[in-house]
Protein backbone atom coordinates (compact mmCIF):
# COMPACT_ATOMS: atom_id res chain seq x y z
CA MET A 1 0.00 0.00 0.00
CA MET A 2 1.33 3.43 -0.94
CA PRO A 3 1.84 5.72 2.07
CA VAL A 4 -0.97 8.24 2.52
CA SER A 5 1.37 11.22 2.21
CA MET A 6 2.71 9.88 -1.09
CA VAL A 7 -0.65 9.66 -2.84
CA GLY A 8 -0.37 11.61 -6.07
CA ARG A 9 3.44 11.65 -5.93
CA ALA A 10 4.31 8.42 -7.76
CA GLY A 11 5.64 10.29 -10.79
CA GLU A 12 7.87 12.48 -8.65
CA LEU A 13 9.23 9.48 -6.75
CA ALA A 14 10.01 7.68 -10.00
CA GLU A 15 11.81 10.75 -11.37
CA LEU A 16 13.96 11.05 -8.24
CA ASP A 17 14.75 7.36 -8.46
CA ARG A 18 15.92 7.80 -12.06
CA ALA A 19 18.12 10.72 -11.00
CA TRP A 20 19.66 8.56 -8.28
CA SER A 21 20.27 5.77 -10.77
CA THR A 22 22.46 8.08 -12.88
CA VAL A 23 24.63 8.71 -9.81
CA ALA A 24 24.68 5.16 -8.46
CA GLY A 25 25.51 3.88 -11.93
CA SER A 26 28.50 6.28 -12.20
CA ARG A 27 27.26 7.71 -15.45
CA ARG A 28 27.92 11.34 -14.49
CA SER A 29 31.08 13.37 -13.92
CA ALA A 30 29.15 15.98 -11.92
CA PRO A 31 26.36 15.72 -9.36
CA ALA A 32 22.77 15.12 -10.42
CA VAL A 33 20.47 17.88 -9.19
CA ALA A 34 16.81 17.74 -8.16
CA VAL A 35 14.91 20.85 -7.06
CA ILE A 36 11.56 20.41 -5.31
CA THR A 37 9.41 23.50 -4.77
CA GLY A 38 6.02 24.00 -3.18
CA GLU A 39 4.08 25.82 -0.53
CA ALA A 40 4.33 24.95 3.16
CA GLY A 41 2.72 21.63 4.05
CA VAL A 42 2.61 20.27 0.53
CA GLY A 43 4.93 17.36 1.39
CA LYS A 44 8.39 18.30 0.12
CA SER A 45 10.29 16.83 3.06
CA LEU A 46 8.11 13.71 3.09
CA LEU A 47 8.76 13.21 -0.63
CA VAL A 48 12.51 13.42 -0.06
CA ALA A 49 12.30 11.00 2.88
CA ALA A 50 10.21 8.52 0.89
CA ALA A 51 12.63 8.71 -2.04
CA LEU A 52 15.61 8.08 0.24
CA ASP A 53 13.83 5.07 1.74
CA ALA A 54 13.30 3.60 -1.73
CA PHE A 55 16.68 4.27 -3.34
CA ALA A 56 18.50 1.15 -4.54
CA PRO A 57 21.34 0.68 -4.09
CA ARG A 58 21.31 2.42 -0.74
CA PRO A 59 23.34 5.65 -0.64
CA ALA A 60 26.73 5.11 0.97
CA VAL A 61 26.51 8.61 2.47
CA VAL A 62 23.59 10.93 3.20
CA LEU A 63 24.41 14.52 4.19
CA SER A 64 21.35 16.50 5.23
CA GLY A 65 21.08 20.00 6.62
CA ALA A 66 18.85 23.06 6.91
CA ALA A 67 18.82 26.58 8.29
CA ARG A 68 18.88 27.11 12.03
CA VAL A 69 15.47 27.47 13.66
CA HIS A 70 16.15 31.05 14.67
CA SER A 71 18.58 33.52 13.04
CA PRO A 72 20.51 32.15 10.05
CA ALA A 73 24.32 32.19 10.26
CA PRO A 74 26.99 31.68 7.57
CA TYR A 75 27.22 28.12 6.30
CA ASP A 76 24.20 26.93 8.28
CA TRP A 77 23.68 23.98 5.94
CA LEU A 78 27.21 22.70 6.40
CA ALA A 79 27.14 23.38 10.15
CA ALA A 80 23.97 21.26 10.39
CA VAL A 81 25.66 18.47 8.43
CA LEU A 82 28.66 18.55 10.77
CA THR A 83 26.61 18.58 13.99
CA GLY A 84 27.36 15.47 16.02
CA ARG A 85 29.76 14.16 13.37
CA ASP A 86 33.34 13.15 14.13
CA THR A 87 35.47 15.53 12.08
CA SER A 88 38.83 14.72 13.67
CA GLY A 89 39.92 12.77 10.61
CA LEU A 90 39.20 15.52 8.08
CA ASP A 91 42.31 16.99 6.46
CA LEU A 92 41.45 20.64 7.07
CA PRO A 93 42.84 23.48 9.19
CA PRO A 94 41.19 23.12 12.63
CA ASP A 95 40.34 26.82 12.87
CA ALA A 96 38.59 26.80 9.48
CA LEU A 97 36.67 23.65 10.38
CA ALA A 98 35.62 25.18 13.71
CA TRP A 99 34.33 28.25 11.90
CA LEU A 100 32.41 26.24 9.29
CA ALA A 101 30.91 24.06 12.01
CA GLN A 102 29.88 27.18 13.99
CA GLN A 103 31.67 25.89 17.07
CA PRO A 104 31.70 28.28 20.05
CA THR A 105 35.50 28.00 20.15
CA ALA A 106 35.89 29.22 16.56
CA PRO A 107 38.37 32.13 16.23
CA ARG A 108 36.97 35.56 15.51
CA GLU A 109 39.26 36.01 12.53
CA ARG A 110 38.16 33.94 9.60
CA TYR A 111 39.48 33.13 6.15
CA ALA A 112 38.75 35.24 3.10
CA PRO A 113 35.28 34.44 1.68
CA GLY A 114 36.64 32.75 -1.45
CA THR A 115 39.06 30.60 0.54
CA LEU A 116 36.35 29.65 3.03
CA LEU A 117 34.03 28.61 0.20
CA ARG A 118 36.71 26.36 -1.27
CA LEU A 119 37.29 24.82 2.16
CA ALA A 120 33.54 24.25 2.57
CA VAL A 121 33.41 22.40 -0.76
CA ARG A 122 36.43 20.37 0.35
CA VAL A 123 34.66 19.37 3.58
CA VAL A 124 31.76 17.97 1.56
CA ARG A 125 34.11 16.15 -0.80
CA LEU A 126 35.91 14.52 2.13
CA LEU A 127 32.61 13.46 3.72
CA VAL A 128 31.27 12.05 0.43
CA GLY A 129 34.46 10.16 -0.33
CA ALA A 130 33.94 7.59 -3.04
CA GLY A 131 30.16 7.81 -2.64
CA PRO A 132 27.64 7.46 -4.02
CA ALA A 133 26.00 10.05 -1.80
CA VAL A 134 22.83 12.06 -1.42
CA LEU A 135 23.10 15.69 -0.34
CA VAL A 136 19.79 16.97 1.05
CA VAL A 137 19.21 20.71 1.39
CA GLU A 138 16.02 21.45 3.34
CA ASP A 139 14.35 24.86 3.30
CA LEU A 140 16.64 26.55 0.80
CA HIS A 141 14.46 29.66 1.16
CA ALA A 142 15.61 30.06 4.80
CA LEU A 143 19.34 29.60 4.19
CA ASP A 144 22.02 32.25 4.54
CA PRO A 145 23.86 33.64 1.48
CA ALA A 146 27.03 31.63 2.18
CA SER A 147 25.04 28.38 2.20
CA LEU A 148 23.25 29.36 -1.03
CA ASN A 149 26.64 29.93 -2.65
CA LEU A 150 27.95 26.61 -1.35
CA VAL A 151 24.92 24.71 -2.67
CA GLY A 152 25.47 26.31 -6.07
CA GLU A 153 29.12 25.29 -6.06
CA LEU A 154 28.26 21.72 -5.11
CA ALA A 155 25.78 21.48 -7.98
CA THR A 156 28.57 22.03 -10.51
CA ALA A 157 31.49 20.41 -8.68
CA ALA A 158 33.41 18.03 -10.93
CA ASP A 159 33.82 14.40 -9.92
CA LEU A 160 31.44 14.60 -6.96
CA PRO A 161 29.43 11.31 -6.96
CA ALA A 162 26.25 12.68 -5.44
CA LEU A 163 22.61 13.48 -5.99
CA LEU A 164 21.89 16.97 -4.70
CA VAL A 165 18.24 17.25 -3.59
CA VAL A 166 16.99 20.73 -2.75
CA ALA A 167 13.59 21.41 -1.18
CA THR A 168 12.29 24.96 -0.93
CA ARG A 169 9.28 27.18 -0.76
CA PRO A 170 8.83 29.72 -3.56
CA ALA A 171 11.55 32.35 -3.73
CA ALA A 172 9.07 35.00 -2.63
CA ASP A 173 9.06 33.34 0.83
CA ALA A 174 12.85 33.44 1.11
CA VAL A 175 14.90 35.38 3.65
CA ALA A 176 16.65 37.01 0.68
CA PRO A 177 14.30 36.60 -2.33
CA ASP A 178 16.74 37.95 -4.94
CA LEU A 179 19.51 35.62 -3.78
CA ALA A 180 17.10 32.68 -3.68
CA VAL A 181 15.99 33.39 -7.26
CA ARG A 182 19.60 33.40 -8.43
CA ALA A 183 20.40 30.23 -6.48
CA LEU A 184 17.41 28.39 -7.94
CA ALA A 185 18.27 29.58 -11.45
CA ARG A 186 21.80 28.27 -10.97
CA LEU A 187 20.56 24.89 -9.75
CA CYS A 188 17.91 24.49 -12.43
CA GLY A 189 20.46 25.48 -15.07
CA VAL A 190 22.57 22.39 -14.38
CA ARG A 191 22.40 19.96 -17.28
CA GLY A 192 19.78 17.30 -16.68
CA ALA A 193 18.45 18.95 -13.51
CA VAL A 194 15.12 17.61 -12.27
CA ARG A 195 12.59 20.30 -11.39
CA GLN A 196 9.46 19.33 -9.47
CA HIS A 197 6.73 21.64 -8.19
CA LEU A 198 4.36 20.00 -5.74
CA GLY A 199 0.82 21.30 -5.81
CA PRO A 200 -2.20 20.39 -3.70
CA LEU A 201 -3.85 17.00 -4.03
CA LEU A 202 -6.72 16.66 -6.47
CA PRO A 203 -10.16 15.54 -5.24
CA ALA A 204 -9.56 12.05 -6.67
CA GLU A 205 -6.31 11.83 -4.70
CA VAL A 206 -8.07 12.96 -1.51
CA ALA A 207 -10.56 10.16 -2.16
CA GLU A 208 -7.66 7.70 -2.41
CA VAL A 209 -6.32 8.87 0.95
CA LEU A 210 -9.75 8.41 2.55
CA THR A 211 -9.98 4.94 1.02
CA GLN A 212 -6.64 3.94 2.57
CA VAL A 213 -7.36 5.39 6.00
CA TYR A 214 -10.91 4.12 6.40
CA ALA A 215 -10.70 0.97 4.24
CA ASP A 216 -13.76 2.26 2.39
CA PRO A 217 -13.53 1.60 -1.36
CA ARG A 218 -16.15 4.22 -2.18
CA PRO A 219 -16.10 7.34 0.01
CA SER A 220 -19.09 9.47 -0.89
CA GLY A 221 -18.62 12.32 -3.32
CA ARG A 222 -20.08 14.65 -0.69
CA LEU A 223 -17.43 13.62 1.83
CA VAL A 224 -14.58 13.90 -0.67
CA ARG A 225 -15.66 17.36 -1.82
CA ALA A 226 -16.09 18.58 1.76
CA VAL A 227 -12.65 17.33 2.84
CA TRP A 228 -10.99 18.71 -0.28
CA ARG A 229 -12.57 22.13 0.22
CA ARG A 230 -11.72 22.13 3.91
CA THR A 231 -8.02 21.32 3.37
CA GLY A 232 -7.46 22.81 -0.06
CA GLY A 233 -5.82 19.50 -0.95
CA ASN A 234 -2.84 20.39 1.26
CA PRO A 235 -1.37 17.08 2.55
CA TYR A 236 -0.33 18.58 5.89
CA LEU A 237 -3.81 19.99 6.55
CA LEU A 238 -5.38 16.74 5.38
CA THR A 239 -3.21 14.66 7.73
CA GLU A 240 -3.96 17.08 10.57
CA LEU A 241 -7.70 16.77 9.91
CA LEU A 242 -7.51 12.97 9.92
CA ALA A 243 -5.52 13.03 13.17
CA ALA A 244 -8.02 15.38 14.81
CA HIS A 245 -10.84 12.91 14.04
CA ALA A 246 -8.89 9.71 14.76
CA GLY A 247 -11.07 7.05 16.33
CA ARG A 248 -14.24 8.11 14.56
CA GLY A 249 -15.83 7.17 11.26
CA PRO A 250 -15.29 9.11 8.03
CA GLU A 251 -18.53 11.08 8.39
CA ALA A 252 -16.97 12.77 11.44
CA LEU A 253 -14.77 14.68 8.97
CA LEU A 254 -17.84 16.70 8.03
CA ARG A 255 -18.08 18.05 11.58
CA PRO A 256 -15.77 20.57 13.27
CA PRO A 257 -12.82 18.95 15.09
CA PRO A 258 -12.70 18.95 18.90
CA PRO A 259 -11.06 22.04 20.42
CA ALA A 260 -7.27 21.92 20.58
CA PRO A 261 -5.71 21.74 24.04
CA SER A 262 -4.44 24.99 25.50
CA ARG A 263 -0.76 25.85 25.21
CA ALA A 264 -0.39 25.17 28.93
CA ALA A 265 -1.85 21.71 28.48
CA ARG A 266 0.45 21.05 25.53
CA SER A 267 3.49 21.96 27.60
CA THR A 268 2.62 19.59 30.44
CA PRO A 269 5.07 16.66 30.32
CA ALA A 270 3.45 13.32 29.57
CA PRO A 271 4.06 10.45 31.98
CA SER A 272 7.24 8.67 30.96
CA ALA A 273 5.59 5.25 31.00
CA ALA A 274 2.36 6.23 29.22
CA VAL A 275 1.06 3.67 26.78
CA VAL A 276 -0.86 4.30 23.56
CA PRO A 277 -4.53 3.31 24.05
CA ARG A 278 -5.13 0.04 22.27
CA PRO A 279 -7.80 0.11 19.55
CA ALA A 280 -9.65 -2.92 18.28
CA GLY A 281 -7.27 -5.33 16.65
CA PRO A 282 -3.68 -6.21 17.50
CA VAL A 283 -1.41 -3.29 18.40
CA ASP A 284 1.81 -4.55 19.93
CA ALA A 285 3.82 -1.34 20.34
CA GLU A 286 4.10 0.20 23.77
CA LEU A 287 5.23 3.81 23.43
CA THR A 288 6.47 6.24 26.03
CA GLY A 289 4.74 9.56 26.55
CA ARG A 290 7.40 11.42 24.59
CA GLU A 291 7.26 8.90 21.76
CA ILE A 292 3.51 9.48 21.55
CA GLU A 293 4.15 13.22 21.25
CA VAL A 294 6.73 12.68 18.51
CA LEU A 295 4.33 10.31 16.74
CA GLY A 296 1.76 13.11 16.81
CA CYS A 297 4.32 15.30 15.03
CA LEU A 298 4.80 12.63 12.35
CA VAL A 299 1.05 12.37 11.86
CA ALA A 300 0.96 16.16 11.48
CA GLY A 301 3.59 15.92 8.73
CA MET A 302 6.29 17.76 10.65
CA SER A 303 10.01 17.51 9.92
CA ASN A 304 12.38 16.66 12.77
CA LYS A 305 13.25 20.34 13.09
CA GLN A 306 9.59 21.36 13.34
CA ALA A 307 8.92 18.60 15.88
CA ALA A 308 11.87 19.74 17.98
CA ARG A 309 10.54 23.28 17.98
CA ALA A 310 6.98 22.21 18.82
CA LEU A 311 8.06 19.94 21.69
CA GLY A 312 10.90 22.08 23.01
CA ILE A 313 13.56 19.38 22.57
CA SER A 314 16.64 19.03 20.38
CA VAL A 315 16.55 17.77 16.80
CA ARG A 316 18.93 14.99 17.81
CA THR A 317 16.51 13.84 20.52
CA VAL A 318 13.66 13.82 18.01
CA THR A 319 15.81 11.71 15.68
CA VAL A 320 16.34 9.15 18.44
CA HIS A 321 12.60 9.00 19.20
CA VAL A 322 11.77 8.59 15.49
CA SER A 323 14.24 5.71 15.28
CA ASN A 324 12.58 4.06 18.28
CA LEU A 325 9.13 4.60 16.75
CA LEU A 326 10.17 2.95 13.48
CA ARG A 327 11.52 -0.04 15.39
CA LYS A 328 8.52 -0.40 17.71
CA THR A 329 5.88 0.01 15.00
CA GLY A 330 7.73 -2.09 12.43
CA SER A 331 7.69 0.84 9.98
CA ALA A 332 10.21 1.40 7.22
CA SER A 333 9.80 5.18 7.23
CA ARG A 334 8.35 8.04 9.26
CA THR A 335 5.47 8.19 6.79
CA GLU A 336 4.58 4.56 7.48
CA ALA A 337 4.72 5.26 11.22
CA ALA A 338 2.23 8.11 10.77
CA ILE A 339 -0.05 5.81 8.76
CA TRP A 340 0.32 3.15 11.47
CA ALA A 341 -1.12 5.65 13.97
CA VAL A 342 -3.88 7.02 11.73
CA GLN A 343 -5.12 3.64 10.52
CA ARG A 344 -5.33 2.35 14.07
CA ARG A 345 -7.08 5.57 15.07
CA LEU A 346 -4.69 6.14 17.93
CA ALA A 347 -5.27 9.12 20.18
CA VAL A 348 -2.02 10.98 19.50
CA PRO A 349 -1.80 14.70 20.32
CA THR A 350 -1.80 17.20 17.44
CA PRO A 351 1.17 19.49 18.09
CA VAL A 352 1.40 23.14 17.10
CA ASP A 353 4.61 24.30 15.42
CA GLY A 354 5.52 27.77 16.60
């Protein structure tokens, strides 16, 4: 069964798989580039995650980064990639590496911009090694100018065995719209670049989601139209709506959802040994209170960064909880874990990002 969040995205997944095949098959002397654009909540990050899960052969290296949650700083993307990674074996000047990694011990004096850019490219080359690798750039629109320049350099770097996947909102939403426009033009100008724009789901695709969630082969046209109008076909809003009505039949989607808990209630820590209520049918996973909260973030379509912000914990901690959730629910991806919760109509909280 295709994951709910991937309904209507089969063509995009196939295109990303073909792009990966050109890298894995060593048929390119430069990176392959894929640019995915779309409004917030349309499923860009989920598409990238699903593609990574399906790539064969598996990437030898995956380097993924995004802008910091708060104020962007130079080379945010690379600093995110380096977070928690052992860099002691990298053949680079320690002071330059400390600056690129945004370490608190970094010297105030830095290298000239051109030299620093070359060193940043070298860091990526050393991490990729023989590859093949996937370089994931999340939220290009929120990145700093130095990161935008680095991503552009990586897209045209010779003999870099990698697929560069960039996800972004429209340039108009960017921190620096003019710079984002130029960066996107540079990326899309690479020979053979894949360009995907994700739009809202069509009514027929919303009907397919409802069929999967409720095991109803023929959801009524009235229900489909009402859900499509209510969500605008936005996958995030659709998943949120389904989560808000979990445990009830499809006709409940025609009624307003129950009121969301107050911010004070959301901030109250859940008991560490809480267990997900068991619906009818076998459900073997016993989840902690925090895992239930993280599962709610997955159901809401949040990235790890968004979940960390909503729950007030670190991105690394979210990553650990997601790994535990995949193991406990027997899911191959975060999307499958979200479906696991929705199909069993589990009472997971709907978090608020921001």
